Amino acid sequence: MINDSASVDIVALGKRYGPEWAGVQAVEGVDLRIASGEFVAVVGASGCGKSTVLRILAGFEDASSGSISVGGTPVTGPGPDRGVVFQDYGLFPWLTVRENVSYGPRRRRLPKSRVTELADRFIEAVGLTRFAGKFPGQLSGGMQQRVAIARVLANEPKVLLMDEPFGALDALTRSDLQAELKRIHVETKTTVVFVTHSIEEAVFLADRVVVMTGGASHGVPGHISRIVEIDLPTERDVTDHAFNEYKREISDLVHGVGDHV
């Protein structure tokens, strides 16, 4: 069940909103290389620019300076090599689960047998086989987000971009989907860039956690403060001492405690 993933290279990335003389420099000097198949989480306070970087990587916004490439190809706009999952599920309410998940492969004009194979594979991967004939309005919020993830994965992106995908869910559903996403990542080896406000979620999911600080409210552009490699086994216990040491370290970085400023 392994997909063809790709590396991501972000070089001296900057984003300015408004004119040079009166605009706001939202992000500046962001440098980051993400290996093929790696899971990277991006954390930081509101306004630090983490979602801005993700939108530029998705091709939804243009960079003001610097560059981003995926698998060596410059990002110049949205493309099928990148799949995006937002907090808002964005499902078509008039289509069933199966129809939503198979929408992308059908638009790509894949053979019917391949469309069926992809839909079945990823509906099963998110545990919704019994609900394939249901409409989004008949599903819970957590189930709708599972459909959104399956729909993106069925397009076989090289990079999966996720912007606070579990932010609106209750704690138990969020925990279940975190475990599901980790399992899917282990199986597919898709490169993942995951933006979140939750430090615990970042440590639970990621190989590395990118900490961004700054932003307009701080008077300096958003930038990468530190990158923390999470040296923990794939199966992680949120009550483990080492797990909570990582949480404390990253929390200090996010909030500018002590020598981390």
Protein backbone atom coordinates (compact mmCIF):
# COMPACT_ATOMS: atom_id res chain seq x y z
CA MET A 1 0.00 0.00 0.00
CA ILE A 2 2.98 2.31 -0.53
CA ASN A 3 2.51 5.49 -2.56
CA ASP A 4 5.10 7.32 -4.63
CA SER A 5 6.02 10.16 -2.27
CA ALA A 6 8.31 13.14 -2.85
CA SER A 7 10.66 15.42 -0.99
CA VAL A 8 9.89 19.09 -0.30
CA ASP A 9 12.45 21.90 -0.48
CA ILE A 10 11.62 25.33 0.94
CA VAL A 11 14.37 27.91 0.38
CA ALA A 12 14.46 31.46 1.82
CA LEU A 13 10.67 31.65 1.63
CA GLY A 14 9.03 35.00 2.27
CA LYS A 15 5.48 36.30 2.02
CA ARG A 16 4.44 39.95 2.11
CA TYR A 17 0.85 41.15 2.05
CA GLY A 18 0.21 44.60 0.65
CA PRO A 19 2.59 47.09 -1.01
CA GLU A 20 6.28 47.32 -0.16
CA TRP A 21 5.88 50.67 1.59
CA ALA A 22 2.83 49.79 3.71
CA GLY A 23 2.41 46.02 3.69
CA VAL A 24 2.98 43.33 6.27
CA GLN A 25 5.85 40.84 6.04
CA ALA A 26 4.03 37.73 7.27
CA VAL A 27 6.84 35.20 6.74
CA GLU A 28 10.54 35.64 6.06
CA GLY A 29 13.59 33.44 5.57
CA VAL A 30 11.92 30.04 5.93
CA ASP A 31 14.30 27.21 5.00
CA LEU A 32 13.20 23.60 5.33
CA ARG A 33 13.93 20.31 3.58
CA ILE A 34 11.48 17.46 4.11
CA ALA A 35 12.58 13.99 3.04
CA SER A 36 10.38 11.74 0.93
CA GLY A 37 8.03 9.81 3.20
CA GLU A 38 8.72 11.99 6.24
CA PHE A 39 5.98 13.25 8.58
CA VAL A 40 6.67 16.84 9.64
CA ALA A 41 4.42 18.83 11.98
CA VAL A 42 4.49 22.63 12.12
CA VAL A 43 3.48 24.33 15.37
CA GLY A 44 3.38 27.89 16.61
CA ALA A 45 1.11 30.55 18.04
CA SER A 46 -1.68 32.06 15.93
CA GLY A 47 -0.34 34.49 13.35
CA CYS A 48 3.18 33.02 13.15
CA GLY A 49 2.74 32.11 9.48
CA LYS A 50 2.48 28.32 9.61
CA SER A 51 -0.73 28.19 7.55
CA THR A 52 0.68 30.77 5.15
CA VAL A 53 3.64 28.48 4.42
CA LEU A 54 1.26 25.57 3.90
CA ARG A 55 -0.94 27.55 1.48
CA ILE A 56 2.13 28.57 -0.56
CA LEU A 57 3.26 24.94 -0.61
CA ALA A 58 -0.23 23.95 -1.77
CA GLY A 59 0.00 26.53 -4.56
CA PHE A 60 -2.96 28.56 -3.29
CA GLU A 61 -0.78 31.63 -2.72
CA ASP A 62 2.38 32.93 -4.38
CA ALA A 63 5.58 33.49 -2.47
CA SER A 64 6.96 37.03 -2.39
CA SER A 65 10.52 35.71 -2.25
CA GLY A 66 12.34 32.40 -2.15
CA SER A 67 11.10 29.14 -3.62
CA ILE A 68 9.35 25.84 -2.95
CA SER A 69 9.79 22.65 -4.94
CA VAL A 70 8.24 19.19 -4.64
CA GLY A 71 10.32 16.32 -5.95
CA GLY A 72 12.59 18.86 -7.63
CA THR A 73 9.72 20.57 -9.49
CA PRO A 74 9.02 24.22 -8.58
CA VAL A 75 5.57 24.92 -7.11
CA THR A 76 3.78 27.43 -9.34
CA GLY A 77 0.17 26.64 -8.41
CA PRO A 78 -2.07 23.82 -7.18
CA GLY A 79 -1.28 20.38 -8.57
CA PRO A 80 -2.22 16.71 -8.20
CA ASP A 81 1.14 15.96 -6.58
CA ARG A 82 -0.15 17.73 -3.44
CA GLY A 83 -3.34 16.82 -1.61
CA VAL A 84 -4.80 19.18 0.99
CA VAL A 85 -7.01 18.40 3.99
CA PHE A 86 -8.51 21.36 5.85
CA GLN A 87 -10.40 21.63 9.14
CA ASP A 88 -13.51 22.15 7.01
CA TYR A 89 -14.25 18.75 5.43
CA GLY A 90 -15.27 20.24 2.06
CA LEU A 91 -17.26 17.18 0.99
CA PHE A 92 -19.90 17.22 -1.72
CA PRO A 93 -23.14 16.74 0.26
CA TRP A 94 -25.02 15.33 -2.74
CA LEU A 95 -22.47 12.52 -3.24
CA THR A 96 -22.12 9.34 -1.20
CA VAL A 97 -18.93 8.44 0.65
CA ARG A 98 -17.85 6.24 -2.27
CA GLU A 99 -18.68 8.95 -4.81
CA ASN A 100 -16.77 11.58 -2.83
CA VAL A 101 -13.68 9.39 -2.51
CA SER A 102 -13.74 8.34 -6.16
CA TYR A 103 -14.34 11.88 -7.45
CA GLY A 104 -10.67 12.68 -8.04
CA PRO A 105 -9.75 9.42 -9.78
CA ARG A 106 -12.83 9.80 -12.02
CA ARG A 107 -11.79 13.36 -12.93
CA ARG A 108 -8.37 11.98 -13.82
CA ARG A 109 -10.19 9.66 -16.24
CA LEU A 110 -8.67 6.53 -14.75
CA PRO A 111 -10.11 3.18 -15.85
CA LYS A 112 -13.27 2.25 -13.95
CA SER A 113 -11.58 -0.75 -12.36
CA ARG A 114 -8.78 1.49 -11.03
CA VAL A 115 -11.27 4.04 -9.67
CA THR A 116 -13.08 1.25 -7.83
CA GLU A 117 -9.79 -0.15 -6.50
CA LEU A 118 -8.66 3.21 -5.14
CA ALA A 119 -12.03 4.04 -3.57
CA ASP A 120 -12.28 0.61 -1.91
CA ARG A 121 -8.69 0.79 -0.68
CA PHE A 122 -8.94 4.14 1.05
CA ILE A 123 -12.50 3.80 2.32
CA GLU A 124 -11.30 0.64 4.03
CA ALA A 125 -8.13 2.40 5.23
CA VAL A 126 -10.20 4.97 7.15
CA GLY A 127 -12.61 2.33 8.47
CA LEU A 128 -15.72 3.38 6.56
CA THR A 129 -16.48 0.37 4.36
CA ARG A 130 -19.88 -0.12 6.01
CA PHE A 131 -20.76 3.53 5.32
CA ALA A 132 -19.70 3.73 1.66
CA GLY A 133 -23.29 4.30 0.52
CA LYS A 134 -24.08 7.02 3.08
CA PHE A 135 -24.18 10.76 2.40
CA PRO A 136 -22.02 13.23 4.40
CA GLY A 137 -25.07 14.57 6.25
CA GLN A 138 -25.66 11.09 7.65
CA LEU A 139 -22.18 10.93 9.20
CA SER A 140 -20.59 12.37 12.34
CA GLY A 141 -17.93 15.06 12.09
CA GLY A 142 -15.15 12.55 12.71
CA MET A 143 -16.47 10.25 10.00
CA GLN A 144 -16.72 13.15 7.55
CA GLN A 145 -13.08 14.01 8.21
CA ARG A 146 -12.16 10.37 7.53
CA VAL A 147 -13.92 10.71 4.17
CA ALA A 148 -11.98 13.91 3.46
CA ILE A 149 -8.68 12.13 4.18
CA ALA A 150 -9.66 9.12 2.05
CA ARG A 151 -10.70 11.43 -0.81
CA VAL A 152 -7.31 13.13 -0.85
CA LEU A 153 -5.37 9.85 -0.56
CA ALA A 154 -7.36 8.33 -3.45
CA ASN A 155 -5.75 10.97 -5.69
CA GLU A 156 -2.38 9.39 -4.81
CA PRO A 157 -0.61 12.65 -3.97
CA LYS A 158 3.12 12.67 -3.45
CA VAL A 159 2.69 15.07 -0.52
CA LEU A 160 -0.23 15.30 1.91
CA LEU A 161 -0.81 18.79 3.37
CA MET A 162 -3.01 19.06 6.46
CA ASP A 163 -4.08 22.35 8.06
CA GLU A 164 -5.56 21.79 11.55
CA PRO A 165 -7.61 18.85 10.19
CA PHE A 166 -8.76 17.66 13.61
CA GLY A 167 -9.16 21.06 15.27
CA ALA A 168 -12.98 21.07 15.33
CA LEU A 169 -13.38 17.52 16.67
CA ASP A 170 -13.99 16.36 20.22
CA ALA A 171 -11.01 14.97 22.14
CA LEU A 172 -11.91 11.28 21.77
CA THR A 173 -12.59 11.50 18.02
CA ARG A 174 -9.43 13.53 17.56
CA SER A 175 -7.39 10.86 19.34
CA ASP A 176 -8.92 8.12 17.20
CA LEU A 177 -8.13 9.99 13.97
CA GLN A 178 -4.57 10.72 15.07
CA ALA A 179 -4.01 6.98 15.52
CA GLU A 180 -5.69 6.31 12.16
CA LEU A 181 -3.53 8.88 10.38
CA LYS A 182 -0.36 7.46 11.93
CA ARG A 183 -1.32 3.96 10.76
CA ILE A 184 -2.09 5.18 7.23
CA HIS A 185 1.21 7.04 7.08
CA VAL A 186 3.13 3.93 8.10
CA GLU A 187 1.38 1.99 5.33
CA THR A 188 1.50 4.55 2.50
CA LYS A 189 4.78 6.35 3.28
CA THR A 190 3.27 9.54 1.85
CA THR A 191 5.18 12.71 2.74
CA VAL A 192 3.06 14.67 5.25
CA VAL A 193 3.18 18.33 6.33
CA PHE A 194 0.79 18.79 9.25
CA VAL A 195 -0.03 22.20 10.72
CA THR A 196 -1.44 22.17 14.25
CA HIS A 197 -1.78 24.28 17.40
CA SER A 198 -1.57 21.12 19.52
CA ILE A 199 1.96 20.34 20.70
CA GLU A 200 0.86 16.93 21.99
CA GLU A 201 -0.62 16.09 18.58
CA ALA A 202 2.61 17.16 16.86
CA VAL A 203 4.80 15.00 19.12
CA PHE A 204 2.43 12.04 18.77
CA LEU A 205 2.43 12.11 14.97
CA ALA A 206 5.63 13.60 13.62
CA ASP A 207 9.18 12.54 12.84
CA ARG A 208 10.19 16.18 13.27
CA VAL A 209 8.40 19.21 14.72
CA VAL A 210 9.04 22.61 13.13
CA VAL A 211 8.50 25.44 15.61
CA MET A 212 7.54 28.80 14.11
CA THR A 213 7.58 32.05 16.06
CA GLY A 214 7.08 35.73 15.31
CA GLY A 215 4.26 37.14 13.20
CA ALA A 216 2.68 40.55 12.76
CA SER A 217 1.45 40.75 16.36
CA HIS A 218 5.04 40.24 17.57
CA GLY A 219 6.49 42.90 15.29
CA VAL A 220 8.74 40.46 13.41
CA PRO A 221 7.96 38.20 10.43
CA GLY A 222 7.07 34.58 11.10
CA HIS A 223 10.10 32.31 10.89
CA ILE A 224 11.39 28.92 11.97
CA SER A 225 12.73 29.12 15.51
CA ARG A 226 13.81 25.51 15.89
CA ILE A 227 13.33 22.06 14.39
CA VAL A 228 12.98 19.28 16.95
CA GLU A 229 13.63 15.68 15.91
CA ILE A 230 11.30 13.31 17.76
CA ASP A 231 13.40 10.29 18.69
CA LEU A 232 10.55 8.06 19.84
CA PRO A 233 9.19 4.73 18.55
CA THR A 234 6.31 4.76 16.07
CA GLU A 235 3.92 3.58 18.79
CA ARG A 236 3.87 6.46 21.27
CA ASP A 237 2.47 6.78 24.78
CA VAL A 238 1.33 10.31 25.67
CA THR A 239 1.95 9.53 29.38
CA ASP A 240 5.57 8.48 28.78
CA HIS A 241 8.28 10.62 30.41
CA ALA A 242 10.27 11.11 27.18
CA PHE A 243 7.09 12.08 25.30
CA ASN A 244 6.32 14.78 27.86
CA GLU A 245 9.89 16.05 27.82
CA TYR A 246 9.45 16.77 24.12
CA LYS A 247 6.16 18.52 24.87
CA ARG A 248 7.84 20.73 27.46
CA GLU A 249 10.76 21.56 25.18
CA ILE A 250 8.50 22.55 22.29
CA SER A 251 6.11 24.47 24.54
CA ASP A 252 9.06 26.53 25.83
CA LEU A 253 10.09 27.27 22.25
CA VAL A 254 6.58 28.29 21.19
CA HIS A 255 6.13 30.57 24.19
CA GLY A 256 9.66 31.97 24.15
CA VAL A 257 10.73 30.68 27.57
CA GLY A 258 14.26 31.19 28.86
CA ASP A 259 17.13 30.72 26.42
CA HIS A 260 14.81 29.68 23.60
CA VAL A 261 13.74 33.21 22.73
